[in-house]
Amino acid sequence: MSTITINSKSHTEMIDITREIEKLIPDNFVSGVCHLFCMHTTAGLTINENADPDVVNDMIRFIGELIPWDDKKYRHMEGNTAAHLKSTFFGPALTVHIEKNKLVLGTWQSVYFCEFDGPRNQRKINVKFIAE
């Protein structure tokens, strides 16, 4: 198993980690899957469009409207309930197919680490390659 470490710069952001994942694919790995697991309860993973940055901006805006940061009904003492809810909404894990040593993604797709309680240092994503 390998680990990707991320330092986020904003409170809420989506960071394209596709290239970091591809760098970890072993040279002799031809076919199988890559399983990703985010080790944090206030961050998540998703696959979405990489061509137009407004897609990411729209997603960040929408999730912020759907799950506002300062809802007075939240009871979690730490004050980051919204980040926990967003993390659950996106999810902590993804599995991506690999063929010929490359992630099998659509033309416009990338894998994103989603920060919901940043900025933070040393965010960890476990990466495991499982051969066919």
C-alpha atoms as a PDB file:
ATOM      1  CA  MET A   1       0.000   0.000   0.000  1.00  0.00           C
ATOM      2  CA  SER A   2       1.132   3.543  -0.769  1.00  0.00           C
ATOM      3  CA  THR A   3       0.096   6.898   0.659  1.00  0.00           C
ATOM      4  CA  ILE A   4      -0.526  10.258  -0.956  1.00  0.00           C
ATOM      5  CA  THR A   5      -0.043  13.231   1.385  1.00  0.00           C
ATOM      6  CA  ILE A   6      -1.883  16.461   0.656  1.00  0.00           C
ATOM      7  CA  ASN A   7      -1.585  19.942   2.139  1.00  0.00           C
ATOM      8  CA  SER A   8      -4.766  21.889   1.449  1.00  0.00           C
ATOM      9  CA  LYS A   9      -4.722  25.662   1.148  1.00  0.00           C
ATOM     10  CA  SER A  10      -8.387  26.614   1.506  1.00  0.00           C
ATOM     11  CA  HIS A  11     -11.294  25.889   3.795  1.00  0.00           C
ATOM     12  CA  THR A  12     -13.120  24.051   1.011  1.00  0.00           C
ATOM     13  CA  GLU A  13     -11.385  22.898  -2.142  1.00  0.00           C
ATOM     14  CA  MET A  14     -11.125  20.067  -4.623  1.00  0.00           C
ATOM     15  CA  ILE A  15      -7.583  19.017  -5.489  1.00  0.00           C
ATOM     16  CA  ASP A  16      -6.909  16.938  -8.609  1.00  0.00           C
ATOM     17  CA  ILE A  17      -4.776  13.977  -7.462  1.00  0.00           C
ATOM     18  CA  THR A  18      -4.943  11.921 -10.665  1.00  0.00           C
ATOM     19  CA  ARG A  19      -1.271  12.402 -11.601  1.00  0.00           C
ATOM     20  CA  GLU A  20      -0.092  11.565  -8.064  1.00  0.00           C
ATOM     21  CA  ILE A  21      -2.018   8.286  -8.227  1.00  0.00           C
ATOM     22  CA  GLU A  22      -0.668   7.409 -11.677  1.00  0.00           C
ATOM     23  CA  LYS A  23       2.919   7.994 -10.488  1.00  0.00           C
ATOM     24  CA  LEU A  24       2.384   5.248  -7.900  1.00  0.00           C
ATOM     25  CA  ILE A  25       1.246   2.555 -10.370  1.00  0.00           C
ATOM     26  CA  PRO A  26       3.986  -0.090 -10.386  1.00  0.00           C
ATOM     27  CA  ASP A  27       5.814  -0.448 -13.726  1.00  0.00           C
ATOM     28  CA  ASN A  28       4.856  -4.113 -14.043  1.00  0.00           C
ATOM     29  CA  PHE A  29       1.181  -3.542 -13.159  1.00  0.00           C
ATOM     30  CA  VAL A  30      -0.834  -4.221 -16.308  1.00  0.00           C
ATOM     31  CA  SER A  31      -4.460  -4.737 -15.286  1.00  0.00           C
ATOM     32  CA  GLY A  32      -6.520  -4.508 -12.101  1.00  0.00           C
ATOM     33  CA  VAL A  33      -7.918  -1.824  -9.832  1.00  0.00           C
ATOM     34  CA  CYS A  34      -6.695   1.034  -7.698  1.00  0.00           C
ATOM     35  CA  HIS A  35      -8.522   1.424  -4.397  1.00  0.00           C
ATOM     36  CA  LEU A  36      -8.302   4.825  -2.688  1.00  0.00           C
ATOM     37  CA  PHE A  37      -9.238   5.507   0.924  1.00  0.00           C
ATOM     38  CA  CYS A  38      -9.276   8.956   2.568  1.00  0.00           C
ATOM     39  CA  MET A  39      -8.102   8.724   6.180  1.00  0.00           C
ATOM     40  CA  HIS A  40     -10.102  11.742   7.441  1.00  0.00           C
ATOM     41  CA  THR A  41     -13.659  12.385   8.596  1.00  0.00           C
ATOM     42  CA  THR A  42     -13.776  15.946   7.226  1.00  0.00           C
ATOM     43  CA  ALA A  43     -12.575  15.226   3.679  1.00  0.00           C
ATOM     44  CA  GLY A  44     -13.613  12.929   0.847  1.00  0.00           C
ATOM     45  CA  LEU A  45     -12.967  11.691  -2.671  1.00  0.00           C
ATOM     46  CA  THR A  46     -14.817  12.006  -5.959  1.00  0.00           C
ATOM     47  CA  ILE A  47     -14.375  11.664  -9.713  1.00  0.00           C
ATOM     48  CA  ASN A  48     -15.543  14.534 -11.879  1.00  0.00           C
ATOM     49  CA  GLU A  49     -14.742  16.830 -14.802  1.00  0.00           C
ATOM     50  CA  ASN A  50     -11.259  18.291 -15.146  1.00  0.00           C
ATOM     51  CA  ALA A  51     -11.654  20.423 -18.290  1.00  0.00           C
ATOM     52  CA  ASP A  52     -13.706  23.370 -17.025  1.00  0.00           C
ATOM     53  CA  PRO A  53     -12.716  24.724 -13.577  1.00  0.00           C
ATOM     54  CA  ASP A  54     -16.232  26.106 -13.193  1.00  0.00           C
ATOM     55  CA  VAL A  55     -17.490  22.550 -12.628  1.00  0.00           C
ATOM     56  CA  VAL A  56     -15.372  22.322  -9.466  1.00  0.00           C
ATOM     57  CA  ASN A  57     -16.351  25.874  -8.465  1.00  0.00           C
ATOM     58  CA  ASP A  58     -20.038  25.047  -8.954  1.00  0.00           C
ATOM     59  CA  MET A  59     -19.705  21.861  -6.894  1.00  0.00           C
ATOM     60  CA  ILE A  60     -18.025  23.736  -4.032  1.00  0.00           C
ATOM     61  CA  ARG A  61     -20.697  26.446  -4.138  1.00  0.00           C
ATOM     62  CA  PHE A  62     -23.553  23.935  -4.303  1.00  0.00           C
ATOM     63  CA  ILE A  63     -22.315  21.742  -1.445  1.00  0.00           C
ATOM     64  CA  GLY A  64     -21.801  24.913   0.635  1.00  0.00           C
ATOM     65  CA  GLU A  65     -25.407  25.963   0.001  1.00  0.00           C
ATOM     66  CA  LEU A  66     -26.736  22.449   0.613  1.00  0.00           C
ATOM     67  CA  ILE A  67     -24.764  22.023   3.851  1.00  0.00           C
ATOM     68  CA  PRO A  68     -24.046  25.487   5.316  1.00  0.00           C
ATOM     69  CA  TRP A  69     -21.093  25.900   7.670  1.00  0.00           C
ATOM     70  CA  ASP A  70     -22.905  27.831  10.403  1.00  0.00           C
ATOM     71  CA  ASP A  71     -26.267  26.082  10.825  1.00  0.00           C
ATOM     72  CA  LYS A  72     -27.337  26.825  14.411  1.00  0.00           C
ATOM     73  CA  LYS A  73     -28.882  23.339  14.713  1.00  0.00           C
ATOM     74  CA  TYR A  74     -25.499  21.580  14.701  1.00  0.00           C
ATOM     75  CA  ARG A  75     -24.516  20.193  18.105  1.00  0.00           C
ATOM     76  CA  HIS A  76     -20.943  18.978  17.523  1.00  0.00           C
ATOM     77  CA  MET A  77     -18.791  20.968  19.961  1.00  0.00           C
ATOM     78  CA  GLU A  78     -15.804  21.233  17.628  1.00  0.00           C
ATOM     79  CA  GLY A  79     -17.852  23.386  15.242  1.00  0.00           C
ATOM     80  CA  ASN A  80     -17.130  21.511  12.021  1.00  0.00           C
ATOM     81  CA  THR A  81     -20.298  19.446  11.636  1.00  0.00           C
ATOM     82  CA  ALA A  82     -20.726  20.730   8.079  1.00  0.00           C
ATOM     83  CA  ALA A  83     -17.343  19.231   7.124  1.00  0.00           C
ATOM     84  CA  HIS A  84     -18.371  15.847   8.561  1.00  0.00           C
ATOM     85  CA  LEU A  85     -21.664  15.942   6.644  1.00  0.00           C
ATOM     86  CA  LYS A  86     -19.958  16.904   3.371  1.00  0.00           C
ATOM     87  CA  SER A  87     -17.400  14.133   3.856  1.00  0.00           C
ATOM     88  CA  THR A  88     -20.185  11.593   4.276  1.00  0.00           C
ATOM     89  CA  PHE A  89     -22.012  12.998   1.239  1.00  0.00           C
ATOM     90  CA  PHE A  90     -18.932  12.543  -0.992  1.00  0.00           C
ATOM     91  CA  GLY A  91     -17.585   9.411   0.706  1.00  0.00           C
ATOM     92  CA  PRO A  92     -14.131   8.273   1.812  1.00  0.00           C
ATOM     93  CA  ALA A  93     -13.323   5.698  -0.888  1.00  0.00           C
ATOM     94  CA  LEU A  94     -13.079   5.162  -4.641  1.00  0.00           C
ATOM     95  CA  THR A  95     -12.074   2.278  -6.862  1.00  0.00           C
ATOM     96  CA  VAL A  96     -10.716   2.945 -10.355  1.00  0.00           C
ATOM     97  CA  HIS A  97      -9.854   0.349 -12.997  1.00  0.00           C
ATOM     98  CA  ILE A  98      -6.329   0.157 -14.399  1.00  0.00           C
ATOM     99  CA  GLU A  99      -5.435  -1.087 -17.874  1.00  0.00           C
ATOM    100  CA  LYS A 100      -1.978  -0.960 -19.457  1.00  0.00           C
ATOM    101  CA  ASN A 101      -0.547   0.849 -16.416  1.00  0.00           C
ATOM    102  CA  LYS A 102      -3.043   3.741 -16.674  1.00  0.00           C
ATOM    103  CA  LEU A 103      -6.138   4.691 -14.715  1.00  0.00           C
ATOM    104  CA  VAL A 104      -9.249   4.047 -16.790  1.00  0.00           C
ATOM    105  CA  LEU A 105     -11.002   7.409 -16.686  1.00  0.00           C
ATOM    106  CA  GLY A 106     -13.223   9.195 -19.168  1.00  0.00           C
ATOM    107  CA  THR A 107     -11.769  11.910 -21.397  1.00  0.00           C
ATOM    108  CA  TRP A 108     -12.696  14.722 -19.001  1.00  0.00           C
ATOM    109  CA  GLN A 109     -12.474  12.847 -15.688  1.00  0.00           C
ATOM    110  CA  SER A 110     -10.030  13.290 -12.814  1.00  0.00           C
ATOM    111  CA  VAL A 111      -9.848  11.994  -9.248  1.00  0.00           C
ATOM    112  CA  TYR A 112     -10.291  14.731  -6.657  1.00  0.00           C
ATOM    113  CA  PHE A 113      -9.440  14.996  -2.976  1.00  0.00           C
ATOM    114  CA  CYS A 114     -12.198  17.111  -1.415  1.00  0.00           C
ATOM    115  CA  GLU A 115     -11.196  19.279   1.552  1.00  0.00           C
ATOM    116  CA  PHE A 116     -14.048  20.463   3.752  1.00  0.00           C
ATOM    117  CA  ASP A 117     -12.236  21.649   6.909  1.00  0.00           C
ATOM    118  CA  GLY A 118      -9.034  23.276   5.748  1.00  0.00           C
ATOM    119  CA  PRO A 119      -6.526  24.466   5.341  1.00  0.00           C
ATOM    120  CA  ARG A 120      -4.855  21.326   6.669  1.00  0.00           C
ATOM    121  CA  ASN A 121      -1.430  19.706   6.423  1.00  0.00           C
ATOM    122  CA  GLN A 122      -0.623  16.050   6.054  1.00  0.00           C
ATOM    123  CA  ARG A 123      -3.969  14.798   4.743  1.00  0.00           C
ATOM    124  CA  LYS A 124      -3.524  11.107   3.901  1.00  0.00           C
ATOM    125  CA  ILE A 125      -5.002   8.953   1.172  1.00  0.00           C
ATOM    126  CA  ASN A 126      -4.149   5.276   1.159  1.00  0.00           C
ATOM    127  CA  VAL A 127      -3.645   3.804  -2.321  1.00  0.00           C
ATOM    128  CA  LYS A 128      -3.758   0.071  -2.961  1.00  0.00           C
ATOM    129  CA  PHE A 129      -3.281  -1.663  -6.302  1.00  0.00           C
ATOM    130  CA  ILE A 130      -4.985  -5.007  -6.768  1.00  0.00           C
ATOM    131  CA  ALA A 131      -3.932  -7.026  -9.810  1.00  0.00           C
ATOM    132  CA  GLU A 132      -6.399  -8.931 -11.939  1.00  0.00           C
END
